[in-house]
Amino acid sequence: MDDSAPNPAPAAPGPGSIAALLAALEQLSRLRPDRVLRLRGGLPAGAEASPEPFELLIFRGFSSSTTHPTGFDPDQPALPETARIASAELLAGPLDPTSETVLAGPLPAEAFLEPEAWG
């Protein structure tokens, strides 16, 4: 048996995956540079522990975590597949931390897969 065969490429994200959801939302955010989408949810913290809260902002085609470190490769999703997204809010951008304007939400993140939802 030949063990030197190359490993197969990882499968592309499925339609219901976190990676596919983030990629679609990032693509839509490129069309609305005056909007920021904030995702909140939980990351698994261990077998017995409660999920660790996270916050992810999507702006102008990029995802950025405000609560956890992310990798340097922009082609990799900012959240693992085990993440659970609890809600999404559409905010007026660019963000002003002293005067945040919520335009829509909290709603399920999938609600923002339609361009009309971005206002």
PDB file of N, CA and C in Angstrom:
ATOM      1  N   MET A   1       0.838  -1.179   0.000  1.00  0.00           N
ATOM      2  CA  MET A   1       0.000   0.000   0.000  1.00  0.00           C
ATOM      3  C   MET A   1       0.878   1.235   0.000  1.00  0.00           C
ATOM      4  N   ASP A   2       0.558   2.223  -0.843  1.00  0.00           N
ATOM      5  CA  ASP A   2       1.365   3.429  -0.988  1.00  0.00           C
ATOM      6  C   ASP A   2       0.820   4.540  -0.101  1.00  0.00           C
ATOM      7  N   ASP A   3       1.583   4.879   0.954  1.00  0.00           N
ATOM      8  CA  ASP A   3       1.165   5.954   1.867  1.00  0.00           C
ATOM      9  C   ASP A   3       1.626   7.320   1.408  1.00  0.00           C
ATOM     10  N   SER A   4       2.295   7.398   0.264  1.00  0.00           N
ATOM     11  CA  SER A   4       2.813   8.688  -0.187  1.00  0.00           C
ATOM     12  C   SER A   4       1.818   9.454  -1.040  1.00  0.00           C
ATOM     13  N   ALA A   5       0.636   8.899  -1.259  1.00  0.00           N
ATOM     14  CA  ALA A   5      -0.377   9.598  -2.053  1.00  0.00           C
ATOM     15  C   ALA A   5      -0.789  10.880  -1.329  1.00  0.00           C
ATOM     16  N   PRO A   6      -0.996  11.955  -2.078  1.00  0.00           N
ATOM     17  CA  PRO A   6      -1.378  13.222  -1.430  1.00  0.00           C
ATOM     18  C   PRO A   6      -2.750  13.118  -0.779  1.00  0.00           C
ATOM     19  N   ASN A   7      -2.923  13.871   0.282  1.00  0.00           N
ATOM     20  CA  ASN A   7      -4.215  13.937   0.944  1.00  0.00           C
ATOM     21  C   ASN A   7      -5.195  14.672   0.052  1.00  0.00           C
ATOM     22  N   PRO A   8      -6.446  14.250   0.030  1.00  0.00           N
ATOM     23  CA  PRO A   8      -7.419  14.976  -0.799  1.00  0.00           C
ATOM     24  C   PRO A   8      -7.649  16.373  -0.246  1.00  0.00           C
ATOM     25  N   ALA A   9      -8.026  17.272  -1.137  1.00  0.00           N
ATOM     26  CA  ALA A   9      -8.322  18.651  -0.717  1.00  0.00           C
ATOM     27  C   ALA A   9      -9.533  18.642   0.189  1.00  0.00           C
ATOM     28  N   PRO A  10      -9.578  19.577   1.152  1.00  0.00           N
ATOM     29  CA  PRO A  10     -10.764  19.626   2.009  1.00  0.00           C
ATOM     30  C   PRO A  10     -12.002  19.938   1.182  1.00  0.00           C
ATOM     31  N   ALA A  11     -13.110  19.399   1.607  1.00  0.00           N
ATOM     32  CA  ALA A  11     -14.362  19.612   0.880  1.00  0.00           C
ATOM     33  C   ALA A  11     -14.776  21.076   0.974  1.00  0.00           C
ATOM     34  N   ALA A  12     -15.425  21.544  -0.073  1.00  0.00           N
ATOM     35  CA  ALA A  12     -15.945  22.913  -0.061  1.00  0.00           C
ATOM     36  C   ALA A  12     -17.056  22.995   0.980  1.00  0.00           C
ATOM     37  N   PRO A  13     -17.235  24.175   1.577  1.00  0.00           N
ATOM     38  CA  PRO A  13     -18.279  24.299   2.592  1.00  0.00           C
ATOM     39  C   PRO A  13     -19.647  23.967   2.007  1.00  0.00           C
ATOM     40  N   GLY A  14     -20.428  23.235   2.766  1.00  0.00           N
ATOM     41  CA  GLY A  14     -21.782  22.892   2.337  1.00  0.00           C
ATOM     42  C   GLY A  14     -22.704  24.085   2.458  1.00  0.00           C
ATOM     43  N   PRO A  15     -23.878  24.012   1.847  1.00  0.00           N
ATOM     44  CA  PRO A  15     -24.787  25.163   1.840  1.00  0.00           C
ATOM     45  C   PRO A  15     -25.263  25.575   3.227  1.00  0.00           C
ATOM     46  N   GLY A  16     -25.301  24.668   4.183  1.00  0.00           N
ATOM     47  CA  GLY A  16     -25.760  25.011   5.527  1.00  0.00           C
ATOM     48  C   GLY A  16     -24.623  25.245   6.503  1.00  0.00           C
ATOM     49  N   SER A  17     -23.409  25.378   6.008  1.00  0.00           N
ATOM     50  CA  SER A  17     -22.261  25.502   6.897  1.00  0.00           C
ATOM     51  C   SER A  17     -22.042  26.942   7.359  1.00  0.00           C
ATOM     52  N   ILE A  18     -21.331  27.072   8.469  1.00  0.00           N
ATOM     53  CA  ILE A  18     -20.947  28.397   8.977  1.00  0.00           C
ATOM     54  C   ILE A  18     -20.100  29.118   7.930  1.00  0.00           C
ATOM     55  N   ALA A  19     -19.162  28.395   7.312  1.00  0.00           N
ATOM     56  CA  ALA A  19     -18.291  29.013   6.309  1.00  0.00           C
ATOM     57  C   ALA A  19     -19.100  29.576   5.140  1.00  0.00           C
ATOM     58  N   ALA A  20     -20.085  28.818   4.665  1.00  0.00           N
ATOM     59  CA  ALA A  20     -20.907  29.287   3.548  1.00  0.00           C
ATOM     60  C   ALA A  20     -21.755  30.486   3.959  1.00  0.00           C
ATOM     61  N   LEU A  21     -22.298  30.458   5.165  1.00  0.00           N
ATOM     62  CA  LEU A  21     -23.097  31.580   5.657  1.00  0.00           C
ATOM     63  C   LEU A  21     -22.245  32.842   5.756  1.00  0.00           C
ATOM     64  N   LEU A  22     -21.062  32.729   6.365  1.00  0.00           N
ATOM     65  CA  LEU A  22     -20.186  33.898   6.492  1.00  0.00           C
ATOM     66  C   LEU A  22     -19.763  34.423   5.125  1.00  0.00           C
ATOM     67  N   ALA A  23     -19.427  33.530   4.200  1.00  0.00           N
ATOM     68  CA  ALA A  23     -19.016  33.963   2.857  1.00  0.00           C
ATOM     69  C   ALA A  23     -20.142  34.719   2.160  1.00  0.00           C
ATOM     70  N   ALA A  24     -21.367  34.237   2.277  1.00  0.00           N
ATOM     71  CA  ALA A  24     -22.511  34.911   1.645  1.00  0.00           C
ATOM     72  C   ALA A  24     -22.755  36.276   2.284  1.00  0.00           C
ATOM     73  N   LEU A  25     -22.683  36.351   3.605  1.00  0.00           N
ATOM     74  CA  LEU A  25     -22.894  37.634   4.288  1.00  0.00           C
ATOM     75  C   LEU A  25     -21.780  38.618   3.976  1.00  0.00           C
ATOM     76  N   GLU A  26     -20.545  38.129   3.897  1.00  0.00           N
ATOM     77  CA  GLU A  26     -19.420  39.004   3.529  1.00  0.00           C
ATOM     78  C   GLU A  26     -19.615  39.557   2.123  1.00  0.00           C
ATOM     79  N   GLN A  27     -20.053  38.705   1.198  1.00  0.00           N
ATOM     80  CA  GLN A  27     -20.294  39.143  -0.182  1.00  0.00           C
ATOM     81  C   GLN A  27     -21.361  40.242  -0.220  1.00  0.00           C
ATOM     82  N   LEU A  28     -22.449  40.044   0.497  1.00  0.00           N
ATOM     83  CA  LEU A  28     -23.508  41.062   0.530  1.00  0.00           C
ATOM     84  C   LEU A  28     -23.025  42.356   1.169  1.00  0.00           C
ATOM     85  N   SER A  29     -22.156  42.257   2.160  1.00  0.00           N
ATOM     86  CA  SER A  29     -21.670  43.465   2.836  1.00  0.00           C
ATOM     87  C   SER A  29     -20.815  44.327   1.912  1.00  0.00           C
ATOM     88  N   ARG A  30     -20.228  43.730   0.887  1.00  0.00           N
ATOM     89  CA  ARG A  30     -19.449  44.513  -0.086  1.00  0.00           C
ATOM     90  C   ARG A  30     -20.345  45.491  -0.843  1.00  0.00           C
ATOM     91  N   LEU A  31     -21.610  45.107  -0.994  1.00  0.00           N
ATOM     92  CA  LEU A  31     -22.557  45.943  -1.724  1.00  0.00           C
ATOM     93  C   LEU A  31     -23.094  47.091  -0.877  1.00  0.00           C
ATOM     94  N   ARG A  32     -22.931  47.008   0.431  1.00  0.00           N
ATOM     95  CA  ARG A  32     -23.444  48.031   1.353  1.00  0.00           C
ATOM     96  C   ARG A  32     -22.341  48.472   2.310  1.00  0.00           C
ATOM     97  N   PRO A  33     -21.404  49.297   1.835  1.00  0.00           N
ATOM     98  CA  PRO A  33     -20.301  49.735   2.704  1.00  0.00           C
ATOM     99  C   PRO A  33     -20.742  50.656   3.833  1.00  0.00           C
ATOM    100  N   ASP A  34     -22.018  51.035   3.847  1.00  0.00           N
ATOM    101  CA  ASP A  34     -22.548  51.876   4.919  1.00  0.00           C
ATOM    102  C   ASP A  34     -23.252  51.053   5.997  1.00  0.00           C
ATOM    103  N   ARG A  35     -23.079  49.726   5.954  1.00  0.00           N
ATOM    104  CA  ARG A  35     -23.731  48.830   6.913  1.00  0.00           C
ATOM    105  C   ARG A  35     -22.702  47.913   7.563  1.00  0.00           C
ATOM    106  N   VAL A  36     -22.970  47.546   8.818  1.00  0.00           N
ATOM    107  CA  VAL A  36     -22.167  46.576   9.566  1.00  0.00           C
ATOM    108  C   VAL A  36     -23.141  45.536  10.099  1.00  0.00           C
ATOM    109  N   LEU A  37     -22.813  44.279   9.919  1.00  0.00           N
ATOM    110  CA  LEU A  37     -23.636  43.207  10.468  1.00  0.00           C
ATOM    111  C   LEU A  37     -22.913  42.619  11.676  1.00  0.00           C
ATOM    112  N   ARG A  38     -23.596  42.611  12.804  1.00  0.00           N
ATOM    113  CA  ARG A  38     -23.007  42.067  14.031  1.00  0.00           C
ATOM    114  C   ARG A  38     -23.667  40.722  14.328  1.00  0.00           C
ATOM    115  N   LEU A  39     -22.853  39.675  14.436  1.00  0.00           N
ATOM    116  CA  LEU A  39     -23.325  38.349  14.788  1.00  0.00           C
ATOM    117  C   LEU A  39     -22.907  38.053  16.220  1.00  0.00           C
ATOM    118  N   ARG A  40     -23.823  37.463  16.974  1.00  0.00           N
ATOM    119  CA  ARG A  40     -23.518  37.052  18.345  1.00  0.00           C
ATOM    120  C   ARG A  40     -23.929  35.600  18.507  1.00  0.00           C
ATOM    121  N   GLY A  41     -23.190  34.900  19.360  1.00  0.00           N
ATOM    122  CA  GLY A  41     -23.512  33.501  19.594  1.00  0.00           C
ATOM    123  C   GLY A  41     -22.563  32.890  20.585  1.00  0.00           C
ATOM    124  N   GLY A  42     -22.325  31.579  20.421  1.00  0.00           N
ATOM    125  CA  GLY A  42     -21.476  30.862  21.352  1.00  0.00           C
ATOM    126  C   GLY A  42     -20.521  29.920  20.653  1.00  0.00           C
ATOM    127  N   LEU A  43     -19.339  29.794  21.236  1.00  0.00           N
ATOM    128  CA  LEU A  43     -18.333  28.847  20.779  1.00  0.00           C
ATOM    129  C   LEU A  43     -18.218  27.755  21.829  1.00  0.00           C
ATOM    130  N   PRO A  44     -18.101  26.496  21.397  1.00  0.00           N
ATOM    131  CA  PRO A  44     -17.983  25.429  22.387  1.00  0.00           C
ATOM    132  C   PRO A  44     -16.735  25.629  23.232  1.00  0.00           C
ATOM    133  N   ALA A  45     -16.887  25.465  24.545  1.00  0.00           N
ATOM    134  CA  ALA A  45     -15.768  25.689  25.464  1.00  0.00           C
ATOM    135  C   ALA A  45     -15.269  24.398  26.088  1.00  0.00           C
ATOM    136  N   GLY A  46     -15.894  23.297  25.804  1.00  0.00           N
ATOM    137  CA  GLY A  46     -15.504  22.026  26.388  1.00  0.00           C
ATOM    138  C   GLY A  46     -16.728  21.192  26.685  1.00  0.00           C
ATOM    139  N   ALA A  47     -16.509  19.958  27.066  1.00  0.00           N
ATOM    140  CA  ALA A  47     -17.604  19.019  27.273  1.00  0.00           C
ATOM    141  C   ALA A  47     -18.579  19.484  28.346  1.00  0.00           C
ATOM    142  N   GLU A  48     -18.091  19.999  29.444  1.00  0.00           N
ATOM    143  CA  GLU A  48     -18.943  20.368  30.571  1.00  0.00           C
ATOM    144  C   GLU A  48     -19.236  21.869  30.646  1.00  0.00           C
ATOM    145  N   ALA A  49     -18.448  22.665  29.955  1.00  0.00           N
ATOM    146  CA  ALA A  49     -18.540  24.117  30.091  1.00  0.00           C
ATOM    147  C   ALA A  49     -19.649  24.697  29.220  1.00  0.00           C
ATOM    148  N   SER A  50     -20.148  25.839  29.636  1.00  0.00           N
ATOM    149  CA  SER A  50     -21.120  26.587  28.841  1.00  0.00           C
ATOM    150  C   SER A  50     -20.414  27.169  27.619  1.00  0.00           C
ATOM    151  N   PRO A  51     -21.151  27.369  26.530  1.00  0.00           N
ATOM    152  CA  PRO A  51     -20.521  27.984  25.359  1.00  0.00           C
ATOM    153  C   PRO A  51     -19.938  29.354  25.707  1.00  0.00           C
ATOM    154  N   GLU A  52     -18.810  29.663  25.088  1.00  0.00           N
ATOM    155  CA  GLU A  52     -18.161  30.950  25.299  1.00  0.00           C
ATOM    156  C   GLU A  52     -18.767  31.966  24.323  1.00  0.00           C
ATOM    157  N   PRO A  53     -19.264  33.106  24.821  1.00  0.00           N
ATOM    158  CA  PRO A  53     -19.894  34.083  23.930  1.00  0.00           C
ATOM    159  C   PRO A  53     -18.895  34.660  22.921  1.00  0.00           C
ATOM    160  N   PHE A  54     -19.382  34.946  21.725  1.00  0.00           N
ATOM    161  CA  PHE A  54     -18.561  35.635  20.731  1.00  0.00           C
ATOM    162  C   PHE A  54     -19.367  36.745  20.079  1.00  0.00           C
ATOM    163  N   GLU A  55     -18.632  37.684  19.503  1.00  0.00           N
ATOM    164  CA  GLU A  55     -19.216  38.752  18.685  1.00  0.00           C
ATOM    165  C   GLU A  55     -18.356  38.872  17.443  1.00  0.00           C
ATOM    166  N   LEU A  56     -18.997  38.887  16.286  1.00  0.00           N
ATOM    167  CA  LEU A  56     -18.303  38.989  15.011  1.00  0.00           C
ATOM    168  C   LEU A  56     -18.933  40.119  14.219  1.00  0.00           C
ATOM    169  N   LEU A  57     -18.119  40.990  13.662  1.00  0.00           N
ATOM    170  CA  LEU A  57     -18.604  42.087  12.825  1.00  0.00           C
ATOM    171  C   LEU A  57     -18.251  41.793  11.375  1.00  0.00           C
ATOM    172  N   ILE A  58     -19.198  42.035  10.477  1.00  0.00           N
ATOM    173  CA  ILE A  58     -18.964  41.885   9.037  1.00  0.00           C
ATOM    174  C   ILE A  58     -19.142  43.262   8.417  1.00  0.00           C
ATOM    175  N   PHE A  59     -18.081  43.733   7.755  1.00  0.00           N
ATOM    176  CA  PHE A  59     -18.066  45.083   7.197  1.00  0.00           C
ATOM    177  C   PHE A  59     -17.220  45.089   5.937  1.00  0.00           C
ATOM    178  N   ARG A  60     -17.782  45.572   4.847  1.00  0.00           N
ATOM    179  CA  ARG A  60     -17.077  45.717   3.572  1.00  0.00           C
ATOM    180  C   ARG A  60     -16.395  44.433   3.100  1.00  0.00           C
ATOM    181  N   GLY A  61     -17.066  43.306   3.328  1.00  0.00           N
ATOM    182  CA  GLY A  61     -16.558  42.043   2.814  1.00  0.00           C
ATOM    183  C   GLY A  61     -15.649  41.267   3.740  1.00  0.00           C
ATOM    184  N   PHE A  62     -15.446  41.745   4.947  1.00  0.00           N
ATOM    185  CA  PHE A  62     -14.541  41.072   5.875  1.00  0.00           C
ATOM    186  C   PHE A  62     -15.227  40.828   7.211  1.00  0.00           C
ATOM    187  N   SER A  63     -14.853  39.721   7.844  1.00  0.00           N
ATOM    188  CA  SER A  63     -15.322  39.391   9.189  1.00  0.00           C
ATOM    189  C   SER A  63     -14.213  39.676  10.177  1.00  0.00           C
ATOM    190  N   SER A  64     -14.595  40.238  11.311  1.00  0.00           N
ATOM    191  CA  SER A  64     -13.622  40.537  12.352  1.00  0.00           C
ATOM    192  C   SER A  64     -14.248  40.229  13.710  1.00  0.00           C
ATOM    193  N   SER A  65     -13.553  39.439  14.505  1.00  0.00           N
ATOM    194  CA  SER A  65     -14.049  39.102  15.829  1.00  0.00           C
ATOM    195  C   SER A  65     -13.633  40.178  16.816  1.00  0.00           C
ATOM    196  N   THR A  66     -14.572  40.578  17.651  1.00  0.00           N
ATOM    197  CA  THR A  66     -14.256  41.545  18.705  1.00  0.00           C
ATOM    198  C   THR A  66     -13.973  40.835  20.024  1.00  0.00           C
ATOM    199  N   THR A  67     -14.157  39.515  20.055  1.00  0.00           N
ATOM    200  CA  THR A  67     -14.017  38.777  21.310  1.00  0.00           C
ATOM    201  C   THR A  67     -12.968  37.676  21.279  1.00  0.00           C
ATOM    202  N   HIS A  68     -12.553  37.230  20.096  1.00  0.00           N
ATOM    203  CA  HIS A  68     -11.624  36.110  19.987  1.00  0.00           C
ATOM    204  C   HIS A  68     -10.595  36.374  18.888  1.00  0.00           C
ATOM    205  N   PRO A  69      -9.410  35.818  19.037  1.00  0.00           N
ATOM    206  CA  PRO A  69      -8.431  35.946  17.952  1.00  0.00           C
ATOM    207  C   PRO A  69      -8.889  35.155  16.724  1.00  0.00           C
ATOM    208  N   THR A  70      -8.527  35.648  15.562  1.00  0.00           N
ATOM    209  CA  THR A  70      -8.826  34.947  14.312  1.00  0.00           C
ATOM    210  C   THR A  70      -7.531  34.745  13.554  1.00  0.00           C
ATOM    211  N   GLY A  71      -7.551  33.838  12.590  1.00  0.00           N
ATOM    212  CA  GLY A  71      -6.371  33.556  11.786  1.00  0.00           C
ATOM    213  C   GLY A  71      -6.027  34.705  10.851  1.00  0.00           C
ATOM    214  N   PHE A  72      -4.844  34.608  10.266  1.00  0.00           N
ATOM    215  CA  PHE A  72      -4.382  35.658   9.356  1.00  0.00           C
ATOM    216  C   PHE A  72      -4.845  35.438   7.923  1.00  0.00           C
ATOM    217  N   ASP A  73      -5.409  34.279   7.628  1.00  0.00           N
ATOM    218  CA  ASP A  73      -5.819  33.955   6.269  1.00  0.00           C
ATOM    219  C   ASP A  73      -7.263  34.413   6.045  1.00  0.00           C
ATOM    220  N   PRO A  74      -7.470  35.451   5.224  1.00  0.00           N
ATOM    221  CA  PRO A  74      -8.836  35.941   5.002  1.00  0.00           C
ATOM    222  C   PRO A  74      -9.718  34.947   4.245  1.00  0.00           C
ATOM    223  N   ASP A  75      -9.119  33.912   3.660  1.00  0.00           N
ATOM    224  CA  ASP A  75      -9.899  32.900   2.955  1.00  0.00           C
ATOM    225  C   ASP A  75     -10.461  31.841   3.900  1.00  0.00           C
ATOM    226  N   GLN A  76     -10.051  31.878   5.159  1.00  0.00           N
ATOM    227  CA  GLN A  76     -10.561  30.943   6.153  1.00  0.00           C
ATOM    228  C   GLN A  76     -11.688  31.615   6.941  1.00  0.00           C
ATOM    229  N   PRO A  77     -12.760  30.876   7.249  1.00  0.00           N
ATOM    230  CA  PRO A  77     -13.853  31.475   8.006  1.00  0.00           C
ATOM    231  C   PRO A  77     -13.391  31.942   9.383  1.00  0.00           C
ATOM    232  N   ALA A  78     -13.970  33.021   9.862  1.00  0.00           N
ATOM    233  CA  ALA A  78     -13.599  33.594  11.160  1.00  0.00           C
ATOM    234  C   ALA A  78     -14.215  32.818  12.318  1.00  0.00           C
ATOM    235  N   LEU A  79     -15.157  31.925  12.030  1.00  0.00           N
ATOM    236  CA  LEU A  79     -15.785  31.105  13.068  1.00  0.00           C
ATOM    237  C   LEU A  79     -15.631  29.636  12.708  1.00  0.00           C
ATOM    238  N   PRO A  80     -15.448  28.776  13.711  1.00  0.00           N
ATOM    239  CA  PRO A  80     -15.403  27.342  13.432  1.00  0.00           C
ATOM    240  C   PRO A  80     -16.803  26.813  13.136  1.00  0.00           C
ATOM    241  N   GLU A  81     -16.881  25.660  12.503  1.00  0.00           N
ATOM    242  CA  GLU A  81     -18.173  25.048  12.173  1.00  0.00           C
ATOM    243  C   GLU A  81     -18.987  24.711  13.422  1.00  0.00           C
ATOM    244  N   THR A  82     -18.333  24.614  14.556  1.00  0.00           N
ATOM    245  CA  THR A  82     -19.033  24.287  15.799  1.00  0.00           C
ATOM    246  C   THR A  82     -19.672  25.510  16.459  1.00  0.00           C
ATOM    247  N   ALA A  83     -19.435  26.689  15.896  1.00  0.00           N
ATOM    248  CA  ALA A  83     -20.034  27.916  16.453  1.00  0.00           C
ATOM    249  C   ALA A  83     -21.542  27.879  16.270  1.00  0.00           C
ATOM    250  N   ARG A  84     -22.237  28.499  17.182  1.00  0.00           N
ATOM    251  CA  ARG A  84     -23.688  28.629  17.107  1.00  0.00           C
ATOM    252  C   ARG A  84     -24.029  30.104  17.081  1.00  0.00           C
ATOM    253  N   ILE A  85     -24.592  30.568  15.974  1.00  0.00           N
ATOM    254  CA  ILE A  85     -24.958  31.972  15.835  1.00  0.00           C
ATOM    255  C   ILE A  85     -26.361  32.144  16.400  1.00  0.00           C
ATOM    256  N   ALA A  86     -26.491  32.976  17.413  1.00  0.00           N
ATOM    257  CA  ALA A  86     -27.775  33.179  18.082  1.00  0.00           C
ATOM    258  C   ALA A  86     -28.569  34.315  17.455  1.00  0.00           C
ATOM    259  N   SER A  87     -27.886  35.382  17.017  1.00  0.00           N
ATOM    260  CA  SER A  87     -28.609  36.531  16.479  1.00  0.00           C
ATOM    261  C   SER A  87     -27.703  37.387  15.617  1.00  0.00           C
ATOM    262  N   ALA A  88     -28.341  38.224  14.820  1.00  0.00           N
ATOM    263  CA  ALA A  88     -27.635  39.179  13.965  1.00  0.00           C
ATOM    264  C   ALA A  88     -28.350  40.518  14.049  1.00  0.00           C
ATOM    265  N   GLU A  89     -27.564  41.590  14.029  1.00  0.00           N
ATOM    266  CA  GLU A  89     -28.107  42.948  14.017  1.00  0.00           C
ATOM    267  C   GLU A  89     -27.439  43.728  12.892  1.00  0.00           C
ATOM    268  N   LEU A  90     -28.224  44.493  12.182  1.00  0.00           N
ATOM    269  CA  LEU A  90     -27.698  45.368  11.150  1.00  0.00           C
ATOM    270  C   LEU A  90     -27.515  46.753  11.747  1.00  0.00           C
ATOM    271  N   LEU A  91     -26.308  47.278  11.616  1.00  0.00           N
ATOM    272  CA  LEU A  91     -25.960  48.572  12.195  1.00  0.00           C
ATOM    273  C   LEU A  91     -25.578  49.554  11.105  1.00  0.00           C
ATOM    274  N   ALA A  92     -25.773  50.836  11.374  1.00  0.00           N
ATOM    275  CA  ALA A  92     -25.297  51.876  10.463  1.00  0.00           C
ATOM    276  C   ALA A  92     -23.782  51.922  10.580  1.00  0.00           C
ATOM    277  N   GLY A  93     -23.110  52.015   9.465  1.00  0.00           N
ATOM    278  CA  GLY A  93     -21.648  52.068   9.460  1.00  0.00           C
ATOM    279  C   GLY A  93     -21.184  53.376   8.878  1.00  0.00           C
ATOM    280  N   PRO A  94     -19.952  53.708   9.123  1.00  0.00           N
ATOM    281  CA  PRO A  94     -19.040  53.009  10.018  1.00  0.00           C
ATOM    282  C   PRO A  94     -19.493  53.153  11.465  1.00  0.00           C
ATOM    283  N   LEU A  95     -19.037  52.205  12.299  1.00  0.00           N
ATOM    284  CA  LEU A  95     -19.471  52.187  13.692  1.00  0.00           C
ATOM    285  C   LEU A  95     -18.930  53.369  14.471  1.00  0.00           C
ATOM    286  N   ASP A  96     -19.769  53.889  15.329  1.00  0.00           N
ATOM    287  CA  ASP A  96     -19.387  54.912  16.297  1.00  0.00           C
ATOM    288  C   ASP A  96     -19.735  54.339  17.663  1.00  0.00           C
ATOM    289  N   PRO A  97     -18.738  53.904  18.446  1.00  0.00           N
ATOM    290  CA  PRO A  97     -19.036  53.250  19.711  1.00  0.00           C
ATOM    291  C   PRO A  97     -19.810  54.124  20.696  1.00  0.00           C
ATOM    292  N   THR A  98     -19.775  55.431  20.534  1.00  0.00           N
ATOM    293  CA  THR A  98     -20.500  56.308  21.450  1.00  0.00           C
ATOM    294  C   THR A  98     -21.953  56.508  21.031  1.00  0.00           C
ATOM    295  N   SER A  99     -22.275  56.168  19.774  1.00  0.00           N
ATOM    296  CA  SER A  99     -23.636  56.373  19.284  1.00  0.00           C
ATOM    297  C   SER A  99     -23.949  55.324  18.226  1.00  0.00           C
ATOM    298  N   GLU A 100     -24.251  54.117  18.677  1.00  0.00           N
ATOM    299  CA  GLU A 100     -24.525  53.002  17.782  1.00  0.00           C
ATOM    300  C   GLU A 100     -25.969  53.068  17.278  1.00  0.00           C
ATOM    301  N   THR A 101     -26.153  52.889  15.977  1.00  0.00           N
ATOM    302  CA  THR A 101     -27.494  52.912  15.393  1.00  0.00           C
ATOM    303  C   THR A 101     -27.842  51.525  14.870  1.00  0.00           C
ATOM    304  N   VAL A 102     -28.794  50.867  15.545  1.00  0.00           N
ATOM    305  CA  VAL A 102     -29.271  49.547  15.119  1.00  0.00           C
ATOM    306  C   VAL A 102     -30.393  49.769  14.116  1.00  0.00           C
ATOM    307  N   LEU A 103     -30.219  49.244  12.898  1.00  0.00           N
ATOM    308  CA  LEU A 103     -31.208  49.412  11.833  1.00  0.00           C
ATOM    309  C   LEU A 103     -32.191  48.250  11.762  1.00  0.00           C
ATOM    310  N   ALA A 104     -31.740  47.045  12.158  1.00  0.00           N
ATOM    311  CA  ALA A 104     -32.602  45.862  12.128  1.00  0.00           C
ATOM    312  C   ALA A 104     -32.058  44.810  13.078  1.00  0.00           C
ATOM    313  N   GLY A 105     -32.971  44.070  13.679  1.00  0.00           N
ATOM    314  CA  GLY A 105     -32.573  42.953  14.529  1.00  0.00           C
ATOM    315  C   GLY A 105     -32.765  43.277  15.987  1.00  0.00           C
ATOM    316  N   PRO A 106     -32.485  42.301  16.806  1.00  0.00           N
ATOM    317  CA  PRO A 106     -31.848  41.026  16.457  1.00  0.00           C
ATOM    318  C   PRO A 106     -32.794  40.081  15.711  1.00  0.00           C
ATOM    319  N   LEU A 107     -32.208  39.414  14.720  1.00  0.00           N
ATOM    320  CA  LEU A 107     -32.894  38.439  13.876  1.00  0.00           C
ATOM    321  C   LEU A 107     -31.954  37.256  13.653  1.00  0.00           C
ATOM    322  N   PRO A 108     -32.465  36.144  13.116  1.00  0.00           N
ATOM    323  CA  PRO A 108     -31.556  35.067  12.717  1.00  0.00           C
ATOM    324  C   PRO A 108     -30.610  35.579  11.625  1.00  0.00           C
ATOM    325  N   ALA A 109     -29.387  35.130  11.618  1.00  0.00           N
ATOM    326  CA  ALA A 109     -28.406  35.580  10.626  1.00  0.00           C
ATOM    327  C   ALA A 109     -28.885  35.327   9.201  1.00  0.00           C
ATOM    328  N   GLU A 110     -29.615  34.238   8.999  1.00  0.00           N
ATOM    329  CA  GLU A 110     -30.097  33.898   7.657  1.00  0.00           C
ATOM    330  C   GLU A 110     -31.046  34.953   7.095  1.00  0.00           C
ATOM    331  N   ALA A 111     -31.649  35.754   7.951  1.00  0.00           N
ATOM    332  CA  ALA A 111     -32.536  36.817   7.486  1.00  0.00           C
ATOM    333  C   ALA A 111     -31.783  37.844   6.651  1.00  0.00           C
ATOM    334  N   PHE A 112     -30.470  37.923   6.836  1.00  0.00           N
ATOM    335  CA  PHE A 112     -29.672  38.912   6.112  1.00  0.00           C
ATOM    336  C   PHE A 112     -29.020  38.341   4.857  1.00  0.00           C
ATOM    337  N   LEU A 113     -29.469  37.168   4.432  1.00  0.00           N
ATOM    338  CA  LEU A 113     -28.983  36.596   3.177  1.00  0.00           C
ATOM    339  C   LEU A 113     -29.684  37.218   1.976  1.00  0.00           C
ATOM    340  N   GLU A 114     -30.738  37.971   2.201  1.00  0.00           N
ATOM    341  CA  GLU A 114     -31.439  38.678   1.139  1.00  0.00           C
ATOM    342  C   GLU A 114     -30.917  40.120   1.070  1.00  0.00           C
ATOM    343  N   PRO A 115     -30.518  40.582  -0.106  1.00  0.00           N
ATOM    344  CA  PRO A 115     -29.989  41.945  -0.233  1.00  0.00           C
ATOM    345  C   PRO A 115     -30.945  43.014   0.313  1.00  0.00           C
ATOM    346  N   GLU A 116     -32.264  42.792   0.177  1.00  0.00           N
ATOM    347  CA  GLU A 116     -33.237  43.778   0.652  1.00  0.00           C
ATOM    348  C   GLU A 116     -33.157  43.971   2.157  1.00  0.00           C
ATOM    349  N   ALA A 117     -32.710  42.965   2.890  1.00  0.00           N
ATOM    350  CA  ALA A 117     -32.632  43.056   4.346  1.00  0.00           C
ATOM    351  C   ALA A 117     -31.569  44.041   4.810  1.00  0.00           C
ATOM    352  N   TRP A 118     -30.648  44.385   3.908  1.00  0.00           N
ATOM    353  CA  TRP A 118     -29.563  45.315   4.258  1.00  0.00           C
ATOM    354  C   TRP A 118     -30.015  46.770   4.126  1.00  0.00           C
ATOM    355  N   GLY A 119     -31.263  46.982   3.740  1.00  0.00           N
ATOM    356  CA  GLY A 119     -31.859  48.314   3.696  1.00  0.00           C
ATOM    357  C   GLY A 119     -31.407  49.129   2.574  1.00  0.00           C
TER     358      GLY A 119
END
